[in-house]
Amino acid sequence: MDQRFTDGFWRSSDGLKLYYRDYPGGEDGRPPIICMHGLTRNSRDFADLAERLSPEWRVIVPEMRGRGQSDYAEDAATYTPLNYVEDVEALLAELGIDRFVAIGTSLGGLMTMLLSSRASDRLAGAVLNDVGPEIDEAGLEKIRTYVGQGRSFPTWMHAARALQETHEDAHPTYQLDDWLLAAKRVMVLGQNGRISFDYDMALGDAFRETPDSGGAPPANLWLAFEALGNTPLLLVRGALSNLLSEETVRQMKVRNPGMEVVLVPDTGHAPMLDEPEAVAAIDALLAKVRTRETV
């Protein structure tokens, strides 16, 4: 299959070479879409979404430091949401992007809120995927059980089974083919012939040693969320989520009554955004963005 995107690289302020996918598109002055992945994920998470939305929209999918084709940091203490935001802002500046739609899964959603808090008028629209200003401890504890373990597997079947053992509660309807696809999104075949996770295992140390910065929300994230008050906003929640509680969703809706909320059934943390409910809701949000941007 022909590659639908071009490979791009940019430099962080501390000299790391970071990778992004650039899916061409964009009509009628539409702002580009920036997709930001979760804690241990990479640009492959958004492959289906990006291909579906382009060429009508330009879609840019950066890989955060320590993931995929981006350099690993020499100092694991730089694996924090604030540093990731600085990296993305450097990419936006290099590409000359001053207005965009943000789609953020988990950690990427925290980054979306932080980007808005710095200059909310840059965001033409936003999607928060299974994350809010408060994160349930049960979800954080689950992440601590697997992040940074450094496991490797002899075959893709072994890799898929291992993912199933860890995450079956979040995706109870997945079949073996789904777990194989999931494994190929988050793992790579190494030169030693073993299959391993495609991120720096030092992320686990950063997460466990400084949970308030390694992946959990920074302080005052409610203020960052409120900065999205005038932005077309969609919240996607997995019905089985252990990270985003119903109570937090209720509080978010009180503080931002205009926020649309969609529930993805039979799914925990986090929806892949290819579910029918998520697809319809994202399309509706982008239609709203298109109307506002072209008036």
Protein backbone atom coordinates (compact mmCIF):
# COMPACT_ATOMS: atom_id res chain seq x y z
CA MET A 1 0.00 0.00 0.00
CA ASP A 2 1.27 3.46 -0.90
CA GLN A 3 2.33 5.60 2.02
CA ARG A 4 -0.21 8.38 2.53
CA PHE A 5 2.09 10.62 4.54
CA THR A 6 5.54 12.18 4.38
CA ASP A 7 8.13 11.77 7.10
CA GLY A 8 9.31 14.89 8.88
CA PHE A 9 11.76 15.76 11.62
CA TRP A 10 12.31 18.75 13.87
CA ARG A 11 14.61 19.66 16.75
CA SER A 12 13.68 20.21 20.37
CA SER A 13 15.21 23.06 22.34
CA ASP A 14 17.62 20.57 23.96
CA GLY A 15 18.75 19.16 20.64
CA LEU A 16 16.66 16.00 20.22
CA LYS A 17 15.70 14.95 16.69
CA LEU A 18 11.96 14.33 16.78
CA TYR A 19 9.74 12.67 14.19
CA TYR A 20 6.31 13.46 12.77
CA ARG A 21 3.99 12.21 10.05
CA ASP A 22 2.48 14.78 7.72
CA TYR A 23 -0.69 13.73 5.87
CA PRO A 24 -1.36 16.24 3.05
CA GLY A 25 -4.69 17.95 2.66
CA GLY A 26 -6.68 21.00 3.58
CA GLU A 27 -9.39 22.92 1.79
CA ASP A 28 -11.13 26.27 2.19
CA GLY A 29 -8.52 27.58 4.60
CA ARG A 30 -9.09 24.75 7.06
CA PRO A 31 -6.61 24.63 9.94
CA PRO A 32 -4.44 21.51 10.18
CA ILE A 33 -5.19 18.80 12.72
CA ILE A 34 -2.48 17.95 15.26
CA CYS A 35 -2.87 14.45 16.76
CA MET A 36 -1.07 13.76 20.04
CA HIS A 37 -0.69 10.24 21.37
CA GLY A 38 -0.76 8.64 24.81
CA LEU A 39 2.02 7.90 27.29
CA THR A 40 3.56 4.79 25.68
CA ARG A 41 2.15 5.22 22.18
CA ASN A 42 3.37 6.65 18.87
CA SER A 43 2.18 8.05 15.55
CA ARG A 44 0.83 4.68 14.37
CA ASP A 45 -2.08 5.06 16.80
CA PHE A 46 -3.59 7.68 14.51
CA ALA A 47 -2.92 6.00 11.15
CA ASP A 48 -6.55 5.07 10.45
CA LEU A 49 -7.92 8.39 11.68
CA ALA A 50 -5.37 10.43 9.71
CA GLU A 51 -5.96 8.51 6.51
CA ARG A 52 -9.71 8.93 6.89
CA LEU A 53 -9.52 12.69 7.45
CA SER A 54 -6.98 13.49 4.74
CA PRO A 55 -6.93 14.82 2.06
CA GLU A 56 -9.80 17.06 3.21
CA TRP A 57 -7.73 18.02 6.24
CA ARG A 58 -3.98 18.23 6.69
CA VAL A 59 -3.12 15.94 9.61
CA ILE A 60 0.18 16.13 11.49
CA VAL A 61 1.07 13.40 13.99
CA PRO A 62 4.18 14.08 16.08
CA GLU A 63 5.93 11.41 18.11
CA MET A 64 6.94 12.67 21.52
CA ARG A 65 10.53 12.34 22.69
CA GLY A 66 11.30 8.76 23.71
CA ARG A 67 8.78 7.18 21.34
CA GLY A 68 8.95 5.64 17.90
CA GLN A 69 11.42 7.33 15.58
CA SER A 70 12.00 10.29 17.92
CA ASP A 71 15.24 10.45 19.88
CA TYR A 72 15.29 9.14 23.42
CA ALA A 73 16.13 11.79 26.02
CA GLU A 74 19.45 11.57 27.82
CA ASP A 75 17.69 12.81 30.96
CA ALA A 76 14.51 10.86 31.77
CA ALA A 77 13.40 13.77 33.95
CA THR A 78 12.49 15.60 30.72
CA TYR A 79 9.70 13.10 30.06
CA THR A 80 6.99 15.46 31.28
CA PRO A 81 3.85 16.98 29.73
CA LEU A 82 5.32 20.47 29.92
CA ASN A 83 8.39 19.41 27.94
CA TYR A 84 6.24 17.62 25.38
CA VAL A 85 4.22 20.81 24.94
CA GLU A 86 7.42 22.79 24.42
CA ASP A 87 8.46 20.26 21.77
CA VAL A 88 5.13 20.54 19.95
CA GLU A 89 5.28 24.32 20.07
CA ALA A 90 8.71 24.14 18.43
CA LEU A 91 7.19 22.00 15.66
CA LEU A 92 4.29 24.41 15.17
CA ALA A 93 6.72 27.32 14.91
CA GLU A 94 8.90 25.48 12.38
CA LEU A 95 5.89 24.64 10.21
CA GLY A 96 4.43 28.13 10.51
CA ILE A 97 1.19 26.88 12.08
CA ASP A 98 -0.55 29.45 14.26
CA ARG A 99 -4.02 27.87 14.38
CA PHE A 100 -4.96 24.20 14.52
CA VAL A 101 -7.37 21.53 15.70
CA ALA A 102 -5.96 19.34 18.49
CA ILE A 103 -6.88 15.68 18.96
CA GLY A 104 -5.26 14.26 22.09
CA THR A 105 -5.48 10.78 23.55
CA SER A 106 -4.75 10.49 27.28
CA LEU A 107 -1.38 12.27 27.70
CA GLY A 108 -2.09 14.00 24.39
CA GLY A 109 -5.30 15.35 25.91
CA LEU A 110 -3.36 16.80 28.84
CA MET A 111 -1.07 18.44 26.30
CA THR A 112 -4.10 19.84 24.47
CA MET A 113 -5.32 21.52 27.64
CA LEU A 114 -1.86 22.91 28.38
CA LEU A 115 -1.51 24.26 24.84
CA SER A 116 -4.87 25.98 25.21
CA SER A 117 -3.89 27.51 28.55
CA ARG A 118 -0.92 29.20 26.88
CA ALA A 119 -2.92 30.70 24.00
CA SER A 120 -6.48 29.45 23.65
CA ASP A 121 -7.14 31.42 20.45
CA ARG A 122 -4.74 29.10 18.58
CA LEU A 123 -7.12 26.16 18.91
CA ALA A 124 -9.84 26.02 16.27
CA GLY A 125 -11.24 22.88 17.90
CA ALA A 126 -10.23 20.12 20.30
CA VAL A 127 -10.91 16.46 21.02
CA LEU A 128 -10.00 15.04 24.44
CA ASN A 129 -9.87 11.26 24.26
CA ASP A 130 -10.60 9.62 27.62
CA VAL A 131 -8.86 12.19 29.77
CA GLY A 132 -9.77 15.15 31.90
CA PRO A 133 -8.30 17.55 34.47
CA GLU A 134 -8.50 14.80 37.11
CA ILE A 135 -7.29 11.24 36.66
CA ASP A 136 -8.53 8.33 38.73
CA GLU A 137 -5.92 6.64 40.89
CA ALA A 138 -7.10 3.22 39.66
CA GLY A 139 -6.05 4.16 36.16
CA LEU A 140 -2.68 5.47 37.28
CA GLU A 141 -2.06 2.30 39.29
CA LYS A 142 -2.85 0.17 36.23
CA ILE A 143 -0.31 2.14 34.16
CA ARG A 144 2.33 1.63 36.84
CA THR A 145 1.94 -2.14 36.50
CA TYR A 146 3.15 -2.22 32.90
CA VAL A 147 4.95 0.98 31.85
CA GLY A 148 8.70 0.57 31.37
CA GLN A 149 8.81 -3.19 31.91
CA GLY A 150 11.06 -3.80 28.89
CA ARG A 151 9.52 -7.12 27.89
CA SER A 152 10.22 -8.67 24.48
CA PHE A 153 8.61 -11.51 22.55
CA PRO A 154 9.72 -14.11 19.97
CA THR A 155 6.67 -13.78 17.68
CA TRP A 156 3.83 -11.37 16.98
CA MET A 157 1.43 -13.96 18.37
CA HIS A 158 3.26 -13.91 21.71
CA ALA A 159 3.21 -10.11 21.66
CA ALA A 160 -0.51 -10.03 20.95
CA ARG A 161 -1.27 -12.47 23.76
CA ALA A 162 0.77 -10.40 26.18
CA LEU A 163 -1.18 -7.26 25.27
CA GLN A 164 -4.41 -9.16 25.71
CA GLU A 165 -3.41 -10.30 29.21
CA THR A 166 -2.68 -6.71 30.23
CA HIS A 167 -5.47 -4.82 28.50
CA GLU A 168 -8.35 -7.21 27.94
CA ASP A 169 -10.42 -5.39 30.56
CA ALA A 170 -10.24 -2.23 28.41
CA HIS A 171 -11.15 -3.99 25.16
CA PRO A 172 -13.29 -7.01 26.08
CA THR A 173 -14.68 -7.41 22.55
CA TYR A 174 -11.28 -7.61 20.83
CA GLN A 175 -10.54 -10.80 18.91
CA LEU A 176 -7.07 -12.17 18.18
CA ASP A 177 -6.77 -10.19 14.95
CA ASP A 178 -7.47 -7.00 16.90
CA TRP A 179 -4.73 -7.79 19.41
CA LEU A 180 -2.29 -8.51 16.57
CA LEU A 181 -3.06 -5.10 15.05
CA ALA A 182 -2.69 -3.50 18.46
CA ALA A 183 0.71 -5.15 18.95
CA LYS A 184 1.95 -3.81 15.62
CA ARG A 185 0.92 -0.30 16.62
CA VAL A 186 2.87 -0.27 19.87
CA MET A 187 5.80 -2.65 19.19
CA VAL A 188 8.62 -3.08 16.68
CA LEU A 189 10.80 -5.93 15.45
CA GLY A 190 14.35 -5.33 16.65
CA GLN A 191 17.65 -6.22 15.03
CA ASN A 192 17.95 -9.12 17.46
CA GLY A 193 14.79 -10.66 16.03
CA ARG A 194 12.78 -9.96 19.17
CA ILE A 195 9.61 -7.86 19.28
CA SER A 196 9.58 -5.10 21.88
CA PHE A 197 7.67 -1.97 22.84
CA ASP A 198 8.48 1.09 20.78
CA TYR A 199 9.36 3.54 23.53
CA ASP A 200 12.14 4.35 25.98
CA MET A 201 11.79 2.14 29.06
CA ALA A 202 13.02 5.09 31.14
CA LEU A 203 9.51 6.47 30.77
CA GLY A 204 8.52 4.02 33.47
CA ASP A 205 11.06 5.45 35.90
CA ALA A 206 9.92 8.99 35.14
CA PHE A 207 6.29 8.03 35.65
CA ARG A 208 6.81 6.20 38.94
CA GLU A 209 9.30 8.65 40.45
CA THR A 210 7.39 11.81 39.57
CA PRO A 211 3.81 10.74 38.87
CA ASP A 212 2.55 14.32 38.97
CA SER A 213 4.64 15.14 35.89
CA GLY A 214 5.47 11.86 34.18
CA GLY A 215 1.95 11.27 32.94
CA ALA A 216 -0.55 12.43 35.51
CA PRO A 217 -2.05 15.92 35.18
CA PRO A 218 0.03 18.86 36.39
CA ALA A 219 -1.38 21.11 39.09
CA ASN A 220 -4.23 23.50 38.22
CA LEU A 221 -5.25 21.56 35.13
CA TRP A 222 -8.84 22.66 35.72
CA LEU A 223 -7.71 26.17 34.81
CA ALA A 224 -6.14 24.81 31.64
CA PHE A 225 -9.37 22.98 30.82
CA GLU A 226 -11.39 26.16 31.33
CA ALA A 227 -9.21 27.88 28.73
CA LEU A 228 -11.04 25.70 26.18
CA GLY A 229 -14.32 27.47 27.03
CA ASN A 230 -14.65 29.23 23.67
CA THR A 231 -13.27 26.34 21.59
CA PRO A 232 -15.47 23.74 19.87
CA LEU A 233 -14.77 20.79 22.17
CA LEU A 234 -15.50 17.07 22.14
CA LEU A 235 -14.86 14.66 25.00
CA VAL A 236 -14.66 10.97 24.09
CA ARG A 237 -14.95 8.55 27.02
CA GLY A 238 -14.69 4.80 27.08
CA ALA A 239 -17.66 3.42 29.01
CA LEU A 240 -15.28 1.12 30.93
CA SER A 241 -12.61 3.77 31.54
CA ASN A 242 -10.62 3.49 34.74
CA LEU A 243 -8.87 6.81 34.08
CA LEU A 244 -11.73 9.25 33.46
CA SER A 245 -14.60 8.98 35.94
CA GLU A 246 -18.22 9.85 35.35
CA GLU A 247 -17.94 12.42 38.14
CA THR A 248 -15.04 14.18 36.43
CA VAL A 249 -17.06 14.25 33.19
CA ARG A 250 -19.96 15.84 35.07
CA GLN A 251 -17.67 18.51 36.51
CA MET A 252 -16.19 19.17 33.07
CA LYS A 253 -19.68 19.62 31.63
CA VAL A 254 -20.60 22.06 34.40
CA ARG A 255 -17.51 24.16 33.69
CA ASN A 256 -17.94 23.93 29.93
CA PRO A 257 -21.64 23.44 29.05
CA GLY A 258 -20.86 23.64 25.33
CA MET A 259 -18.64 20.56 25.44
CA GLU A 260 -20.01 17.60 23.51
CA VAL A 261 -19.61 14.20 25.19
CA VAL A 262 -19.71 10.83 23.45
CA LEU A 263 -19.56 7.47 25.23
CA VAL A 264 -17.91 4.51 23.48
CA PRO A 265 -19.47 1.26 24.74
CA ASP A 266 -17.52 -1.89 25.65
CA THR A 267 -14.28 0.10 25.73
CA GLY A 268 -11.97 1.26 28.49
CA HIS A 269 -8.85 3.39 28.30
CA ALA A 270 -8.60 4.45 25.62
CA PRO A 271 -10.89 4.40 22.56
CA MET A 272 -9.05 4.12 19.24
CA LEU A 273 -11.31 6.77 17.66
CA ASP A 274 -12.34 4.38 14.90
CA GLU A 275 -15.49 3.30 16.77
CA PRO A 276 -18.75 4.41 15.06
CA GLU A 277 -19.69 6.68 17.96
CA ALA A 278 -16.29 8.41 17.94
CA VAL A 279 -16.19 8.70 14.15
CA ALA A 280 -19.59 10.42 14.02
CA ALA A 281 -18.74 12.78 16.89
CA ILE A 282 -15.35 13.78 15.43
CA ASP A 283 -16.94 14.44 12.04
CA ALA A 284 -19.58 16.62 13.70
CA LEU A 285 -16.93 18.60 15.57
CA LEU A 286 -14.90 19.14 12.40
CA ALA A 287 -18.02 20.29 10.56
CA LYS A 288 -18.52 22.89 13.29
CA VAL A 289 -14.88 23.96 12.99
CA ARG A 290 -15.17 24.24 9.22
CA THR A 291 -18.26 26.42 9.51
CA ARG A 292 -16.67 28.74 12.05
CA GLU A 293 -13.38 29.02 10.18
CA THR A 294 -14.92 29.81 6.78
CA VAL A 295 -17.55 32.34 7.91
